[in-house]
Amino acid sequence: MTVVAPAMPGDRDWDATQPFVVIRGWPQRCGRLAVAALYGRALVEVFRRRPEVIVCGHVLLGPLCRTIRAVLGVPYVAMAYAYEIRAPRMRSIAGVALRGATRVVTISEFSRRAVEAHGVAAPAITVIRPGAVVAGGAVTTIRPPADGRRVLLSVGRLVDAYKGTTW
């Protein structure tokens, strides 16, 4: 597996600890130049590495992935988050990204409906809820309350509809 990501301060130390190859985009501060730099680096790596599939982690990269699929036949899986794909300034680019994907992966039923609103057929959408499975048992010594109440830890806001929480 190879990951192409934007260059960030301190990325070399982090990259060195990963079990996969990390290729960083050419350094750019922000904005359109940063996106163009990431497009360029990703395109170079596609020609160098000839991947079997591309995981498109942000809709801004969707048009590039769709072009690669059309020209080289490399399928792509698009990751979709409701906030990004529902934003007015992102709607058209999100539609291009999502409708061209072989599969769309999202994190909630709310996000799934947002993907369907872009014209993606339900069988092409997979919902994978955030969570973790820890092999070998718990990673902490925190115990649930003695009275049997369940404890929910959420890192984020539960009040916004776009978070997709269903409880």
Foldseek 3Di string as FASTA:
>chain_A
DEAEEADDPPVVVVQVPDPHHYHHFDDDDDDPVRLVSSLVVVVVVCVVPVDQEAEAEALSCQVSQLVCCVPVVRAYEYEWALVQCVPPVRVVSNLSRLQSHQAYEYAAPLRLVSSVVSVDDNVRYDHDHDDDDDPPDDPDPDDPDPVPDDDDDDDDDPPDVSVRDDD
